[in-house]
């Protein structure tokens, strides 16, 4: 099985998920668990840093779709950052840039949350 890790940290009340490795049908439950933990703790401002994500399958993309409605219903959002061109192409092919804000750098995504609260 391919390795997949998730780091979670908080900055300015925003939770950052750092994805590393292969996100596919075998590893998607780890991401589901991370999102579930955030939502059950009423954490709805989420940035997903994809800097070290080397692969994503449709199952991995499905995890994002499964949680976005609940996050936005609670006045939050999931913003994506630091994608390699290879990973971005998968998101783009399925129309994700129409549904999610995708930023080149994590700090831009964080700033978007902070600016919104001013």
C-alpha atoms as a PDB file:
ATOM      1  CA  UNK A   1       0.000   0.000   0.000  1.00  0.00           C
ATOM      2  CA  UNK A   2       1.204   3.499  -0.815  1.00  0.00           C
ATOM      3  CA  UNK A   3       2.191   5.719   2.057  1.00  0.00           C
ATOM      4  CA  UNK A   4       0.018   8.682   2.982  1.00  0.00           C
ATOM      5  CA  UNK A   5       0.410  11.021   5.925  1.00  0.00           C
ATOM      6  CA  UNK A   6      -1.523  14.004   7.201  1.00  0.00           C
ATOM      7  CA  UNK A   7      -0.086  16.683   9.420  1.00  0.00           C
ATOM      8  CA  UNK A   8      -2.527  18.979  11.229  1.00  0.00           C
ATOM      9  CA  UNK A   9      -1.661  22.347  12.700  1.00  0.00           C
ATOM     10  CA  UNK A  10      -3.482  25.508  13.633  1.00  0.00           C
ATOM     11  CA  UNK A  11      -2.522  29.056  12.765  1.00  0.00           C
ATOM     12  CA  UNK A  12      -4.664  32.102  13.534  1.00  0.00           C
ATOM     13  CA  UNK A  13      -7.702  29.881  14.175  1.00  0.00           C
ATOM     14  CA  UNK A  14      -7.341  28.200  10.791  1.00  0.00           C
ATOM     15  CA  UNK A  15      -6.544  24.499  10.591  1.00  0.00           C
ATOM     16  CA  UNK A  16      -3.992  23.402   8.025  1.00  0.00           C
ATOM     17  CA  UNK A  17      -3.914  19.832   6.763  1.00  0.00           C
ATOM     18  CA  UNK A  18      -0.564  18.954   5.203  1.00  0.00           C
ATOM     19  CA  UNK A  19      -0.955  16.018   2.827  1.00  0.00           C
ATOM     20  CA  UNK A  20       1.996  13.811   1.927  1.00  0.00           C
ATOM     21  CA  UNK A  21       2.181  10.854  -0.422  1.00  0.00           C
ATOM     22  CA  UNK A  22      -0.518   9.021  -2.349  1.00  0.00           C
ATOM     23  CA  UNK A  23      -4.195   9.810  -1.766  1.00  0.00           C
ATOM     24  CA  UNK A  24      -6.216   6.983  -3.272  1.00  0.00           C
ATOM     25  CA  UNK A  25      -9.021   4.579  -2.347  1.00  0.00           C
ATOM     26  CA  UNK A  26      -6.809   2.854   0.237  1.00  0.00           C
ATOM     27  CA  UNK A  27      -5.668   6.038   1.972  1.00  0.00           C
ATOM     28  CA  UNK A  28      -8.778   8.226   1.560  1.00  0.00           C
ATOM     29  CA  UNK A  29     -10.215   7.060   4.934  1.00  0.00           C
ATOM     30  CA  UNK A  30      -7.315   8.838   6.673  1.00  0.00           C
ATOM     31  CA  UNK A  31      -8.368  12.136   5.078  1.00  0.00           C
ATOM     32  CA  UNK A  32     -12.013  11.423   5.925  1.00  0.00           C
ATOM     33  CA  UNK A  33     -11.003  10.916   9.542  1.00  0.00           C
ATOM     34  CA  UNK A  34      -9.062  14.201   9.586  1.00  0.00           C
ATOM     35  CA  UNK A  35     -12.042  16.141   8.194  1.00  0.00           C
ATOM     36  CA  UNK A  36     -14.462  14.395  10.572  1.00  0.00           C
ATOM     37  CA  UNK A  37     -12.271  15.276  13.549  1.00  0.00           C
ATOM     38  CA  UNK A  38     -12.196  18.940  12.518  1.00  0.00           C
ATOM     39  CA  UNK A  39     -15.943  19.142  11.948  1.00  0.00           C
ATOM     40  CA  UNK A  40     -16.854  17.402  15.211  1.00  0.00           C
ATOM     41  CA  UNK A  41     -14.650  20.005  16.955  1.00  0.00           C
ATOM     42  CA  UNK A  42     -16.479  22.817  15.132  1.00  0.00           C
ATOM     43  CA  UNK A  43     -13.424  23.701  13.037  1.00  0.00           C
ATOM     44  CA  UNK A  44     -14.626  24.952   9.682  1.00  0.00           C
ATOM     45  CA  UNK A  45     -11.800  27.144   8.401  1.00  0.00           C
ATOM     46  CA  UNK A  46      -9.512  24.668   6.663  1.00  0.00           C
ATOM     47  CA  UNK A  47      -6.529  24.976   4.342  1.00  0.00           C
ATOM     48  CA  UNK A  48      -5.260  21.823   2.664  1.00  0.00           C
ATOM     49  CA  UNK A  49      -1.587  22.172   1.772  1.00  0.00           C
ATOM     50  CA  UNK A  50      -0.789  19.772  -1.075  1.00  0.00           C
ATOM     51  CA  UNK A  51       2.928  20.544  -1.328  1.00  0.00           C
ATOM     52  CA  UNK A  52       3.975  16.951  -0.629  1.00  0.00           C
ATOM     53  CA  UNK A  53       0.959  15.260  -2.220  1.00  0.00           C
ATOM     54  CA  UNK A  54       2.365  13.234  -5.086  1.00  0.00           C
ATOM     55  CA  UNK A  55      -0.829  11.588  -6.367  1.00  0.00           C
ATOM     56  CA  UNK A  56      -4.593  11.896  -5.989  1.00  0.00           C
ATOM     57  CA  UNK A  57      -7.254   9.549  -7.340  1.00  0.00           C
ATOM     58  CA  UNK A  58     -10.962  10.108  -7.843  1.00  0.00           C
ATOM     59  CA  UNK A  59     -11.544   8.510  -4.439  1.00  0.00           C
ATOM     60  CA  UNK A  60      -9.333  11.173  -2.890  1.00  0.00           C
ATOM     61  CA  UNK A  61     -11.204  13.919  -4.707  1.00  0.00           C
ATOM     62  CA  UNK A  62     -14.461  12.443  -3.470  1.00  0.00           C
ATOM     63  CA  UNK A  63     -13.405  13.082   0.124  1.00  0.00           C
ATOM     64  CA  UNK A  64     -13.245  16.814  -0.565  1.00  0.00           C
ATOM     65  CA  UNK A  65     -16.723  16.731  -2.102  1.00  0.00           C
ATOM     66  CA  UNK A  66     -18.114  14.777   0.856  1.00  0.00           C
ATOM     67  CA  UNK A  67     -17.217  17.512   3.367  1.00  0.00           C
ATOM     68  CA  UNK A  68     -17.451  20.853   1.564  1.00  0.00           C
ATOM     69  CA  UNK A  69     -21.213  21.255   2.003  1.00  0.00           C
ATOM     70  CA  UNK A  70     -21.076  20.780   5.786  1.00  0.00           C
ATOM     71  CA  UNK A  71     -18.085  23.103   6.072  1.00  0.00           C
ATOM     72  CA  UNK A  72     -19.755  25.891   4.084  1.00  0.00           C
ATOM     73  CA  UNK A  73     -23.086  25.379   5.853  1.00  0.00           C
ATOM     74  CA  UNK A  74     -21.201  26.390   9.010  1.00  0.00           C
ATOM     75  CA  UNK A  75     -19.761  29.564   7.432  1.00  0.00           C
ATOM     76  CA  UNK A  76     -16.403  27.925   6.769  1.00  0.00           C
ATOM     77  CA  UNK A  77     -14.487  26.851   3.706  1.00  0.00           C
ATOM     78  CA  UNK A  78     -11.827  24.465   2.455  1.00  0.00           C
ATOM     79  CA  UNK A  79      -9.070  26.215   0.529  1.00  0.00           C
ATOM     80  CA  UNK A  80      -6.329  24.348  -1.297  1.00  0.00           C
ATOM     81  CA  UNK A  81      -2.703  25.356  -1.749  1.00  0.00           C
ATOM     82  CA  UNK A  82       0.759  24.374  -2.963  1.00  0.00           C
ATOM     83  CA  UNK A  83      -0.282  21.865  -5.625  1.00  0.00           C
ATOM     84  CA  UNK A  84       2.228  20.410  -8.020  1.00  0.00           C
ATOM     85  CA  UNK A  85       1.227  20.808 -11.683  1.00  0.00           C
ATOM     86  CA  UNK A  86       0.499  17.045 -11.836  1.00  0.00           C
ATOM     87  CA  UNK A  87      -1.923  17.161  -8.883  1.00  0.00           C
ATOM     88  CA  UNK A  88      -3.470  20.455 -10.037  1.00  0.00           C
ATOM     89  CA  UNK A  89      -4.235  18.911 -13.445  1.00  0.00           C
ATOM     90  CA  UNK A  90      -6.358  16.206 -11.793  1.00  0.00           C
ATOM     91  CA  UNK A  91      -8.312  18.821  -9.801  1.00  0.00           C
ATOM     92  CA  UNK A  92      -8.657  20.986 -12.910  1.00  0.00           C
ATOM     93  CA  UNK A  93      -9.817  18.123 -15.134  1.00  0.00           C
ATOM     94  CA  UNK A  94     -12.750  17.514 -12.788  1.00  0.00           C
ATOM     95  CA  UNK A  95     -13.684  21.187 -12.451  1.00  0.00           C
ATOM     96  CA  UNK A  96     -12.508  21.719  -8.879  1.00  0.00           C
ATOM     97  CA  UNK A  97     -11.202  25.262  -9.542  1.00  0.00           C
ATOM     98  CA  UNK A  98     -14.856  26.257 -10.030  1.00  0.00           C
ATOM     99  CA  UNK A  99     -15.779  24.881  -6.597  1.00  0.00           C
ATOM    100  CA  UNK A 100     -12.674  25.569  -4.512  1.00  0.00           C
ATOM    101  CA  UNK A 101     -10.217  28.420  -4.212  1.00  0.00           C
ATOM    102  CA  UNK A 102      -6.770  27.112  -5.075  1.00  0.00           C
ATOM    103  CA  UNK A 103      -3.706  29.142  -4.121  1.00  0.00           C
ATOM    104  CA  UNK A 104      -0.057  28.820  -5.117  1.00  0.00           C
ATOM    105  CA  UNK A 105       1.077  29.392  -1.533  1.00  0.00           C
ATOM    106  CA  UNK A 106      -0.444  28.470   1.823  1.00  0.00           C
ATOM    107  CA  UNK A 107       0.007  32.007   3.165  1.00  0.00           C
ATOM    108  CA  UNK A 108      -2.307  33.324   0.412  1.00  0.00           C
ATOM    109  CA  UNK A 109      -5.043  30.893   1.468  1.00  0.00           C
ATOM    110  CA  UNK A 110      -4.582  31.821   5.130  1.00  0.00           C
ATOM    111  CA  UNK A 111      -4.714  35.523   4.256  1.00  0.00           C
ATOM    112  CA  UNK A 112      -8.014  35.009   2.425  1.00  0.00           C
ATOM    113  CA  UNK A 113      -9.577  33.698   5.664  1.00  0.00           C
ATOM    114  CA  UNK A 114      -8.068  36.485   7.772  1.00  0.00           C
ATOM    115  CA  UNK A 115      -9.129  39.222   5.320  1.00  0.00           C
ATOM    116  CA  UNK A 116     -12.681  37.858   5.325  1.00  0.00           C
ATOM    117  CA  UNK A 117     -12.975  38.333   9.108  1.00  0.00           C
ATOM    118  CA  UNK A 118     -11.967  42.021   9.012  1.00  0.00           C
END
